[in-house]
Structures are given as structure tokens and as C-alpha cells.
mmCIF file of all heavy atoms, coordinates in Angstrom:
data_MODEL
# 
_entry.id   MODEL 
# 
loop_
_atom_site.group_PDB 
_atom_site.id 
_atom_site.type_symbol 
_atom_site.label_atom_id 
_atom_site.label_alt_id 
_atom_site.label_comp_id 
_atom_site.label_asym_id 
_atom_site.label_entity_id 
_atom_site.label_seq_id 
_atom_site.pdbx_PDB_ins_code 
_atom_site.Cartn_x 
_atom_site.Cartn_y 
_atom_site.Cartn_z 
_atom_site.occupancy 
_atom_site.B_iso_or_equiv 
_atom_site.pdbx_formal_charge 
_atom_site.auth_seq_id 
_atom_site.auth_comp_id 
_atom_site.auth_asym_id 
_atom_site.auth_atom_id 
_atom_site.pdbx_PDB_model_num 
ATOM 1   N N   . LEU A 1 1  ? 12.556 60.615 -47.056 1.00 0.00 ? 1  LEU A N   1 
ATOM 2   C CA  . LEU A 1 1  ? 13.139 59.346 -47.494 1.00 0.00 ? 1  LEU A CA  1 
ATOM 3   C C   . LEU A 1 1  ? 13.842 59.589 -48.819 1.00 0.00 ? 1  LEU A C   1 
ATOM 4   O O   . LEU A 1 1  ? 13.240 60.110 -49.765 1.00 0.00 ? 1  LEU A O   1 
ATOM 5   C CB  . LEU A 1 1  ? 12.073 58.274 -47.692 1.00 0.00 ? 1  LEU A CB  1 
ATOM 6   C CG  . LEU A 1 1  ? 11.454 57.677 -46.452 1.00 0.00 ? 1  LEU A CG  1 
ATOM 7   C CD1 . LEU A 1 1  ? 10.506 56.543 -46.845 1.00 0.00 ? 1  LEU A CD1 1 
ATOM 8   C CD2 . LEU A 1 1  ? 12.499 57.167 -45.492 1.00 0.00 ? 1  LEU A CD2 1 
ATOM 9   N N   . VAL A 1 2  ? 15.113 59.214 -48.875 1.00 0.00 ? 2  VAL A N   1 
ATOM 10  C CA  . VAL A 1 2  ? 15.890 59.335 -50.093 1.00 0.00 ? 2  VAL A CA  1 
ATOM 11  C C   . VAL A 1 2  ? 16.066 57.922 -50.635 1.00 0.00 ? 2  VAL A C   1 
ATOM 12  O O   . VAL A 1 2  ? 16.810 57.118 -50.077 1.00 0.00 ? 2  VAL A O   1 
ATOM 13  C CB  . VAL A 1 2  ? 17.255 60.011 -49.829 1.00 0.00 ? 2  VAL A CB  1 
ATOM 14  C CG1 . VAL A 1 2  ? 18.062 60.094 -51.120 1.00 0.00 ? 2  VAL A CG1 1 
ATOM 15  C CG2 . VAL A 1 2  ? 17.056 61.399 -49.224 1.00 0.00 ? 2  VAL A CG2 1 
ATOM 16  N N   . ASP A 1 3  ? 15.352 57.615 -51.711 1.00 0.00 ? 3  ASP A N   1 
ATOM 17  C CA  . ASP A 1 3  ? 15.334 56.277 -52.294 1.00 0.00 ? 3  ASP A CA  1 
ATOM 18  C C   . ASP A 1 3  ? 16.525 56.114 -53.228 1.00 0.00 ? 3  ASP A C   1 
ATOM 19  O O   . ASP A 1 3  ? 16.636 56.807 -54.234 1.00 0.00 ? 3  ASP A O   1 
ATOM 20  C CB  . ASP A 1 3  ? 14.025 56.085 -53.059 1.00 0.00 ? 3  ASP A CB  1 
ATOM 21  C CG  . ASP A 1 3  ? 13.806 54.663 -53.516 1.00 0.00 ? 3  ASP A CG  1 
ATOM 22  O OD1 . ASP A 1 3  ? 14.776 53.875 -53.565 1.00 0.00 ? 3  ASP A OD1 1 
ATOM 23  O OD2 . ASP A 1 3  ? 12.652 54.338 -53.847 1.00 0.00 ? 3  ASP A OD2 1 
ATOM 24  N N   . ILE A 1 4  ? 17.406 55.167 -52.907 1.00 0.00 ? 4  ILE A N   1 
ATOM 25  C CA  . ILE A 1 4  ? 18.610 54.951 -53.712 1.00 0.00 ? 4  ILE A CA  1 
ATOM 26  C C   . ILE A 1 4  ? 18.466 53.766 -54.670 1.00 0.00 ? 4  ILE A C   1 
ATOM 27  O O   . ILE A 1 4  ? 19.453 53.292 -55.229 1.00 0.00 ? 4  ILE A O   1 
ATOM 28  C CB  . ILE A 1 4  ? 19.863 54.796 -52.816 1.00 0.00 ? 4  ILE A CB  1 
ATOM 29  C CG1 . ILE A 1 4  ? 19.738 53.587 -51.890 1.00 0.00 ? 4  ILE A CG1 1 
ATOM 30  C CG2 . ILE A 1 4  ? 20.125 56.081 -52.046 1.00 0.00 ? 4  ILE A CG2 1 
ATOM 31  C CD1 . ILE A 1 4  ? 21.018 53.242 -51.149 1.00 0.00 ? 4  ILE A CD1 1 
ATOM 32  N N   . GLN A 1 5  ? 17.246 53.306 -54.899 1.00 0.00 ? 5  GLN A N   1 
ATOM 33  C CA  . GLN A 1 5  ? 17.006 52.167 -55.792 1.00 0.00 ? 5  GLN A CA  1 
ATOM 34  C C   . GLN A 1 5  ? 17.613 52.345 -57.178 1.00 0.00 ? 5  GLN A C   1 
ATOM 35  O O   . GLN A 1 5  ? 18.068 51.376 -57.769 1.00 0.00 ? 5  GLN A O   1 
ATOM 36  C CB  . GLN A 1 5  ? 15.497 51.934 -55.958 1.00 0.00 ? 5  GLN A CB  1 
ATOM 37  C CG  . GLN A 1 5  ? 14.863 51.135 -54.877 1.00 0.00 ? 5  GLN A CG  1 
ATOM 38  C CD  . GLN A 1 5  ? 15.227 49.666 -54.957 1.00 0.00 ? 5  GLN A CD  1 
ATOM 39  O OE1 . GLN A 1 5  ? 15.433 49.109 -56.025 1.00 0.00 ? 5  GLN A OE1 1 
ATOM 40  N NE2 . GLN A 1 5  ? 15.320 49.055 -53.812 1.00 0.00 ? 5  GLN A NE2 1 
ATOM 41  N N   . ARG A 1 6  ? 17.607 53.534 -57.709 1.00 0.00 ? 6  ARG A N   1 
ATOM 42  C CA  . ARG A 1 6  ? 18.086 53.754 -59.076 1.00 0.00 ? 6  ARG A CA  1 
ATOM 43  C C   . ARG A 1 6  ? 19.599 53.935 -59.165 1.00 0.00 ? 6  ARG A C   1 
ATOM 44  O O   . ARG A 1 6  ? 20.141 54.023 -60.264 1.00 0.00 ? 6  ARG A O   1 
ATOM 45  C CB  . ARG A 1 6  ? 17.390 54.975 -59.673 1.00 0.00 ? 6  ARG A CB  1 
ATOM 46  C CG  . ARG A 1 6  ? 15.904 54.782 -59.764 1.00 0.00 ? 6  ARG A CG  1 
ATOM 47  C CD  . ARG A 1 6  ? 15.133 55.889 -60.399 1.00 0.00 ? 6  ARG A CD  1 
ATOM 48  N NE  . ARG A 1 6  ? 15.787 57.169 -60.531 1.00 0.00 ? 6  ARG A NE  1 
ATOM 49  C CZ  . ARG A 1 6  ? 15.197 58.252 -60.993 1.00 0.00 ? 6  ARG A CZ  1 
ATOM 50  N NH1 . ARG A 1 6  ? 13.942 58.203 -61.372 1.00 0.00 ? 6  ARG A NH1 1 
ATOM 51  N NH2 . ARG A 1 6  ? 15.838 59.391 -61.081 1.00 0.00 ? 6  ARG A NH2 1 
ATOM 52  N N   . LEU A 1 7  ? 20.288 53.962 -58.058 1.00 0.00 ? 7  LEU A N   1 
ATOM 53  C CA  . LEU A 1 7  ? 21.726 54.252 -58.062 1.00 0.00 ? 7  LEU A CA  1 
ATOM 54  C C   . LEU A 1 7  ? 22.525 52.963 -58.234 1.00 0.00 ? 7  LEU A C   1 
ATOM 55  O O   . LEU A 1 7  ? 22.982 52.340 -57.277 1.00 0.00 ? 7  LEU A O   1 
ATOM 56  C CB  . LEU A 1 7  ? 22.121 54.985 -56.782 1.00 0.00 ? 7  LEU A CB  1 
ATOM 57  C CG  . LEU A 1 7  ? 21.324 56.262 -56.495 1.00 0.00 ? 7  LEU A CG  1 
ATOM 58  C CD1 . LEU A 1 7  ? 21.838 56.945 -55.243 1.00 0.00 ? 7  LEU A CD1 1 
ATOM 59  C CD2 . LEU A 1 7  ? 21.352 57.196 -57.687 1.00 0.00 ? 7  LEU A CD2 1 
ATOM 60  N N   . ARG A 1 8  ? 22.695 52.563 -59.472 1.00 0.00 ? 8  ARG A N   1 
ATOM 61  C CA  . ARG A 1 8  ? 23.354 51.287 -59.794 1.00 0.00 ? 8  ARG A CA  1 
ATOM 62  C C   . ARG A 1 8  ? 24.810 51.236 -59.317 1.00 0.00 ? 8  ARG A C   1 
ATOM 63  O O   . ARG A 1 8  ? 25.338 50.160 -59.083 1.00 0.00 ? 8  ARG A O   1 
ATOM 64  C CB  . ARG A 1 8  ? 23.289 51.022 -61.297 1.00 0.00 ? 8  ARG A CB  1 
ATOM 65  C CG  . ARG A 1 8  ? 21.868 50.922 -61.829 1.00 0.00 ? 8  ARG A CG  1 
ATOM 66  C CD  . ARG A 1 8  ? 21.188 49.684 -61.275 1.00 0.00 ? 8  ARG A CD  1 
ATOM 67  N NE  . ARG A 1 8  ? 19.797 49.641 -61.720 1.00 0.00 ? 8  ARG A NE  1 
ATOM 68  C CZ  . ARG A 1 8  ? 18.769 49.452 -60.902 1.00 0.00 ? 8  ARG A CZ  1 
ATOM 69  N NH1 . ARG A 1 8  ? 18.955 49.282 -59.624 1.00 0.00 ? 8  ARG A NH1 1 
ATOM 70  N NH2 . ARG A 1 8  ? 17.551 49.415 -61.365 1.00 0.00 ? 8  ARG A NH2 1 
ATOM 71  N N   . GLU A 1 9  ? 25.450 52.388 -59.164 1.00 0.00 ? 9  GLU A N   1 
ATOM 72  C CA  . GLU A 1 9  ? 26.842 52.383 -58.713 1.00 0.00 ? 9  GLU A CA  1 
ATOM 73  C C   . GLU A 1 9  ? 26.986 51.866 -57.278 1.00 0.00 ? 9  GLU A C   1 
ATOM 74  O O   . GLU A 1 9  ? 28.077 51.538 -56.843 1.00 0.00 ? 9  GLU A O   1 
ATOM 75  C CB  . GLU A 1 9  ? 27.482 53.760 -58.858 1.00 0.00 ? 9  GLU A CB  1 
ATOM 76  C CG  . GLU A 1 9  ? 26.845 54.858 -58.030 1.00 0.00 ? 9  GLU A CG  1 
ATOM 77  C CD  . GLU A 1 9  ? 25.859 55.717 -58.803 1.00 0.00 ? 9  GLU A CD  1 
ATOM 78  O OE1 . GLU A 1 9  ? 25.013 55.166 -59.526 1.00 0.00 ? 9  GLU A OE1 1 
ATOM 79  O OE2 . GLU A 1 9  ? 25.948 56.949 -58.667 1.00 0.00 ? 9  GLU A OE2 1 
ATOM 80  N N   . LEU A 1 10 ? 25.883 51.746 -56.543 1.00 0.00 ? 10 LEU A N   1 
ATOM 81  C CA  . LEU A 1 10 ? 25.923 51.225 -55.174 1.00 0.00 ? 10 LEU A CA  1 
ATOM 82  C C   . LEU A 1 10 ? 25.647 49.730 -55.117 1.00 0.00 ? 10 LEU A C   1 
ATOM 83  O O   . LEU A 1 10 ? 25.520 49.159 -54.045 1.00 0.00 ? 10 LEU A O   1 
ATOM 84  C CB  . LEU A 1 10 ? 24.915 51.977 -54.303 1.00 0.00 ? 10 LEU A CB  1 
ATOM 85  C CG  . LEU A 1 10 ? 25.149 53.476 -54.171 1.00 0.00 ? 10 LEU A CG  1 
ATOM 86  C CD1 . LEU A 1 10 ? 24.059 54.112 -53.324 1.00 0.00 ? 10 LEU A CD1 1 
ATOM 87  C CD2 . LEU A 1 10 ? 26.519 53.748 -53.578 1.00 0.00 ? 10 LEU A CD2 1 
ATOM 88  N N   . GLU A 1 11 ? 25.577 49.071 -56.269 1.00 0.00 ? 11 GLU A N   1 
ATOM 89  C CA  . GLU A 1 11 ? 25.324 47.628 -56.318 1.00 0.00 ? 11 GLU A CA  1 
ATOM 90  C C   . GLU A 1 11 ? 26.597 46.820 -56.488 1.00 0.00 ? 11 GLU A C   1 
ATOM 91  O O   . GLU A 1 11 ? 26.561 45.606 -56.519 1.00 0.00 ? 11 GLU A O   1 
ATOM 92  C CB  . GLU A 1 11 ? 24.379 47.303 -57.479 1.00 0.00 ? 11 GLU A CB  1 
ATOM 93  C CG  . GLU A 1 11 ? 22.996 47.839 -57.283 1.00 0.00 ? 11 GLU A CG  1 
ATOM 94  C CD  . GLU A 1 11 ? 22.092 47.548 -58.466 1.00 0.00 ? 11 GLU A CD  1 
ATOM 95  O OE1 . GLU A 1 11 ? 22.559 46.935 -59.455 1.00 0.00 ? 11 GLU A OE1 1 
ATOM 96  O OE2 . GLU A 1 11 ? 20.924 47.936 -58.396 1.00 0.00 ? 11 GLU A OE2 1 
ATOM 97  N N   . GLY A 1 12 ? 27.715 47.481 -56.614 1.00 0.00 ? 12 GLY A N   1 
ATOM 98  C CA  . GLY A 1 12 ? 28.956 46.791 -56.910 1.00 0.00 ? 12 GLY A CA  1 
ATOM 99  C C   . GLY A 1 12 ? 29.584 46.093 -55.717 1.00 0.00 ? 12 GLY A C   1 
ATOM 100 O O   . GLY A 1 12 ? 29.239 46.326 -54.567 1.00 0.00 ? 12 GLY A O   1 
ATOM 101 N N   . GLU A 1 13 ? 30.512 45.231 -56.058 1.00 0.00 ? 13 GLU A N   1 
ATOM 102 C CA  . GLU A 1 13 ? 31.298 44.519 -55.052 1.00 0.00 ? 13 GLU A CA  1 
ATOM 103 C C   . GLU A 1 13 ? 32.688 44.327 -55.639 1.00 0.00 ? 13 GLU A C   1 
ATOM 104 O O   . GLU A 1 13 ? 32.836 43.969 -56.807 1.00 0.00 ? 13 GLU A O   1 
ATOM 105 C CB  . GLU A 1 13 ? 30.653 43.173 -54.759 1.00 0.00 ? 13 GLU A CB  1 
ATOM 106 C CG  . GLU A 1 13 ? 31.358 42.400 -53.703 1.00 0.00 ? 13 GLU A CG  1 
ATOM 107 C CD  . GLU A 1 13 ? 30.745 41.023 -53.492 1.00 0.00 ? 13 GLU A CD  1 
ATOM 108 O OE1 . GLU A 1 13 ? 29.665 40.736 -54.021 1.00 0.00 ? 13 GLU A OE1 1 
ATOM 109 O OE2 . GLU A 1 13 ? 31.401 40.246 -52.795 1.00 0.00 ? 13 GLU A OE2 1 
ATOM 110 N N   . GLN A 1 14 ? 33.694 44.590 -54.822 1.00 0.00 ? 14 GLN A N   1 
ATOM 111 C CA  . GLN A 1 14 ? 35.077 44.421 -55.262 1.00 0.00 ? 14 GLN A CA  1 
ATOM 112 C C   . GLN A 1 14 ? 35.856 43.723 -54.165 1.00 0.00 ? 14 GLN A C   1 
ATOM 113 O O   . GLN A 1 14 ? 35.688 44.034 -52.984 1.00 0.00 ? 14 GLN A O   1 
ATOM 114 C CB  . GLN A 1 14 ? 35.750 45.767 -55.527 1.00 0.00 ? 14 GLN A CB  1 
ATOM 115 C CG  . GLN A 1 14 ? 35.201 46.520 -56.697 1.00 0.00 ? 14 GLN A CG  1 
ATOM 116 C CD  . GLN A 1 14 ? 35.897 47.867 -56.829 1.00 0.00 ? 14 GLN A CD  1 
ATOM 117 O OE1 . GLN A 1 14 ? 36.044 48.599 -55.868 1.00 0.00 ? 14 GLN A OE1 1 
ATOM 118 N NE2 . GLN A 1 14 ? 36.323 48.173 -58.046 1.00 0.00 ? 14 GLN A NE2 1 
ATOM 119 N N   . ALA A 1 15 ? 36.702 42.803 -54.555 1.00 0.00 ? 15 ALA A N   1 
ATOM 120 C CA  . ALA A 1 15 ? 37.559 42.115 -53.594 1.00 0.00 ? 15 ALA A CA  1 
ATOM 121 C C   . ALA A 1 15 ? 39.003 42.233 -54.040 1.00 0.00 ? 15 ALA A C   1 
ATOM 122 O O   . ALA A 1 15 ? 39.309 42.123 -55.227 1.00 0.00 ? 15 ALA A O   1 
ATOM 123 C CB  . ALA A 1 15 ? 37.156 40.659 -53.479 1.00 0.00 ? 15 ALA A CB  1 
ATOM 124 N N   . THR A 1 16 ? 39.873 42.500 -53.074 1.00 0.00 ? 16 THR A N   1 
ATOM 125 C CA  . THR A 1 16 ? 41.312 42.471 -53.320 1.00 0.00 ? 16 THR A CA  1 
ATOM 126 C C   . THR A 1 16 ? 41.910 41.496 -52.325 1.00 0.00 ? 16 THR A C   1 
ATOM 127 O O   . THR A 1 16 ? 41.190 40.887 -51.523 1.00 0.00 ? 16 THR A O   1 
ATOM 128 C CB  . THR A 1 16 ? 41.941 43.869 -53.132 1.00 0.00 ? 16 THR A CB  1 
ATOM 129 O OG1 . THR A 1 16 ? 41.869 44.220 -51.746 1.00 0.00 ? 16 THR A OG1 1 
ATOM 130 C CG2 . THR A 1 16 ? 41.235 44.916 -53.975 1.00 0.00 ? 16 THR A CG2 1 
ATOM 131 N N   . ALA A 1 17 ? 43.206 41.372 -52.346 1.00 0.00 ? 17 ALA A N   1 
ATOM 132 C CA  . ALA A 1 17 ? 43.866 40.459 -51.410 1.00 0.00 ? 17 ALA A CA  1 
ATOM 133 C C   . ALA A 1 17 ? 43.685 40.897 -49.967 1.00 0.00 ? 17 ALA A C   1 
ATOM 134 O O   . ALA A 1 17 ? 43.697 40.064 -49.058 1.00 0.00 ? 17 ALA A O   1 
ATOM 135 C CB  . ALA A 1 17 ? 45.353 40.362 -51.753 1.00 0.00 ? 17 ALA A CB  1 
ATOM 136 N N   . SER A 1 18 ? 43.483 42.198 -49.735 1.00 0.00 ? 18 SER A N   1 
ATOM 137 C CA  . SER A 1 18 ? 43.415 42.677 -48.354 1.00 0.00 ? 18 SER A CA  1 
ATOM 138 C C   . SER A 1 18 ? 42.102 43.351 -47.960 1.00 0.00 ? 18 SER A C   1 
ATOM 139 O O   . SER A 1 18 ? 41.957 43.777 -46.825 1.00 0.00 ? 18 SER A O   1 
ATOM 140 C CB  . SER A 1 18 ? 44.564 43.658 -48.100 1.00 0.00 ? 18 SER A CB  1 
ATOM 141 O OG  . SER A 1 18 ? 44.443 44.769 -48.966 1.00 0.00 ? 18 SER A OG  1 
ATOM 142 N N   . SER A 1 19 ? 41.153 43.457 -48.899 1.00 0.00 ? 19 SER A N   1 
ATOM 143 C CA  . SER A 1 19 ? 39.906 44.144 -48.546 1.00 0.00 ? 19 SER A CA  1 
ATOM 144 C C   . SER A 1 19 ? 38.750 43.678 -49.416 1.00 0.00 ? 19 SER A C   1 
ATOM 145 O O   . SER A 1 19 ? 38.943 43.041 -50.443 1.00 0.00 ? 19 SER A O   1 
ATOM 146 C CB  . SER A 1 19 ? 40.074 45.654 -48.690 1.00 0.00 ? 19 SER A CB  1 
ATOM 147 O OG  . SER A 1 19 ? 40.215 46.001 -50.054 1.00 0.00 ? 19 SER A OG  1 
ATOM 148 N N   . ARG A 1 20 ? 37.571 44.049 -48.987 1.00 0.00 ? 20 ARG A N   1 
ATOM 149 C CA  . ARG A 1 20 ? 36.355 43.806 -49.777 1.00 0.00 ? 20 ARG A CA  1 
ATOM 150 C C   . ARG A 1 20 ? 35.478 45.032 -49.634 1.00 0.00 ? 20 ARG A C   1 
ATOM 151 O O   . ARG A 1 20 ? 35.241 45.508 -48.533 1.00 0.00 ? 20 ARG A O   1 
ATOM 152 C CB  . ARG A 1 20 ? 35.625 42.577 -49.293 1.00 0.00 ? 20 ARG A CB  1 
ATOM 153 C CG  . ARG A 1 20 ? 34.246 42.502 -49.942 1.00 0.00 ? 20 ARG A CG  1 
ATOM 154 C CD  . ARG A 1 20 ? 33.634 41.153 -50.012 1.00 0.00 ? 20 ARG A CD  1 
ATOM 155 N NE  . ARG A 1 20 ? 34.291 40.368 -51.030 1.00 0.00 ? 20 ARG A NE  1 
ATOM 156 C CZ  . ARG A 1 20 ? 34.570 39.086 -50.883 1.00 0.00 ? 20 ARG A CZ  1 
ATOM 157 N NH1 . ARG A 1 20 ? 34.268 38.461 -49.788 1.00 0.00 ? 20 ARG A NH1 1 
ATOM 158 N NH2 . ARG A 1 20 ? 35.152 38.416 -51.841 1.00 0.00 ? 20 ARG A NH2 1 
ATOM 159 N N   . ILE A 1 21 ? 34.981 45.521 -50.754 1.00 0.00 ? 21 ILE A N   1 
ATOM 160 C CA  . ILE A 1 21 ? 34.049 46.637 -50.776 1.00 0.00 ? 21 ILE A CA  1 
ATOM 161 C C   . ILE A 1 21 ? 32.715 46.076 -51.242 1.00 0.00 ? 21 ILE A C   1 
ATOM 162 O O   . ILE A 1 21 ? 32.630 45.482 -52.319 1.00 0.00 ? 21 ILE A O   1 
ATOM 163 C CB  . ILE A 1 21 ? 34.527 47.750 -51.725 1.00 0.00 ? 21 ILE A CB  1 
ATOM 164 C CG1 . ILE A 1 21 ? 35.863 48.302 -51.255 1.00 0.00 ? 21 ILE A CG1 1 
ATOM 165 C CG2 . ILE A 1 21 ? 33.476 48.856 -51.826 1.00 0.00 ? 21 ILE A CG2 1 
ATOM 166 C CD1 . ILE A 1 21 ? 36.535 49.230 -52.243 1.00 0.00 ? 21 ILE A CD1 1 
ATOM 167 N N   . ILE A 1 22 ? 31.677 46.267 -50.418 1.00 0.00 ? 22 ILE A N   1 
ATOM 168 C CA  . ILE A 1 22 ? 30.337 45.799 -50.752 1.00 0.00 ? 22 ILE A CA  1 
ATOM 169 C C   . ILE A 1 22 ? 29.443 47.029 -50.819 1.00 0.00 ? 22 ILE A C   1 
ATOM 170 O O   . ILE A 1 22 ? 29.305 47.761 -49.843 1.00 0.00 ? 22 ILE A O   1 
ATOM 171 C CB  . ILE A 1 22 ? 29.816 44.804 -49.701 1.00 0.00 ? 22 ILE A CB  1 
ATOM 172 C CG1 . ILE A 1 22 ? 30.741 43.597 -49.621 1.00 0.00 ? 22 ILE A CG1 1 
ATOM 173 C CG2 . ILE A 1 22 ? 28.382 44.378 -50.020 1.00 0.00 ? 22 ILE A CG2 1 
ATOM 174 C CD1 . ILE A 1 22 ? 30.425 42.639 -48.490 1.00 0.00 ? 22 ILE A CD1 1 
ATOM 175 N N   . GLY A 1 23 ? 28.828 47.242 -51.963 1.00 0.00 ? 23 GLY A N   1 
ATOM 176 C CA  . GLY A 1 23 ? 27.953 48.395 -52.156 1.00 0.00 ? 23 GLY A CA  1 
ATOM 177 C C   . GLY A 1 23 ? 26.729 48.326 -51.263 1.00 0.00 ? 23 GLY A C   1 
ATOM 178 O O   . GLY A 1 23 ? 26.243 47.245 -50.916 1.00 0.00 ? 23 GLY A O   1 
ATOM 179 N N   . ALA A 1 24 ? 26.219 49.477 -50.894 1.00 0.00 ? 24 ALA A N   1 
ATOM 180 C CA  . ALA A 1 24 ? 25.073 49.564 -49.996 1.00 0.00 ? 24 ALA A CA  1 
ATOM 181 C C   . ALA A 1 24 ? 23.837 48.874 -50.548 1.00 0.00 ? 24 ALA A C   1 
ATOM 182 O O   . ALA A 1 24 ? 23.001 48.386 -49.793 1.00 0.00 ? 24 ALA A O   1 
ATOM 183 C CB  . ALA A 1 24 ? 24.752 51.034 -49.706 1.00 0.00 ? 24 ALA A CB  1 
ATOM 184 N N   . ARG A 1 25 ? 23.695 48.782 -51.873 1.00 0.00 ? 25 ARG A N   1 
ATOM 185 C CA  . ARG A 1 25 ? 22.502 48.179 -52.477 1.00 0.00 ? 25 ARG A CA  1 
ATOM 186 C C   . ARG A 1 25 ? 22.652 46.688 -52.780 1.00 0.00 ? 25 ARG A C   1 
ATOM 187 O O   . ARG A 1 25 ? 21.746 46.080 -53.336 1.00 0.00 ? 25 ARG A O   1 
ATOM 188 C CB  . ARG A 1 25 ? 22.137 48.925 -53.762 1.00 0.00 ? 25 ARG A CB  1 
ATOM 189 C CG  . ARG A 1 25 ? 21.550 50.283 -53.477 1.00 0.00 ? 25 ARG A CG  1 
ATOM 190 C CD  . ARG A 1 25 ? 20.635 50.835 -54.532 1.00 0.00 ? 25 ARG A CD  1 
ATOM 191 N NE  . ARG A 1 25 ? 20.246 50.014 -55.650 1.00 0.00 ? 25 ARG A NE  1 
ATOM 192 C CZ  . ARG A 1 25 ? 19.291 49.071 -55.623 1.00 0.00 ? 25 ARG A CZ  1 
ATOM 193 N NH1 . ARG A 1 25 ? 18.659 48.781 -54.533 1.00 0.00 ? 25 ARG A NH1 1 
ATOM 194 N NH2 . ARG A 1 25 ? 18.988 48.406 -56.719 1.00 0.00 ? 25 ARG A NH2 1 
# 
């Protein structure tokens, strides 16, 4: 098991006019 709880870079969310990126966390 690889625990990604500490990886804050995966908590982000970004929206543009044509897309949305939602982090895994």
C-alpha cells in the first residue's frame, strides 16, 4: 500500500474554460 495522504500536490483543483483538473486526493 502506497499511502498518498502526505502528498499535498494531489489536493489541487483547477478549472479553465475548457477543462477541469481534480487532484486524486
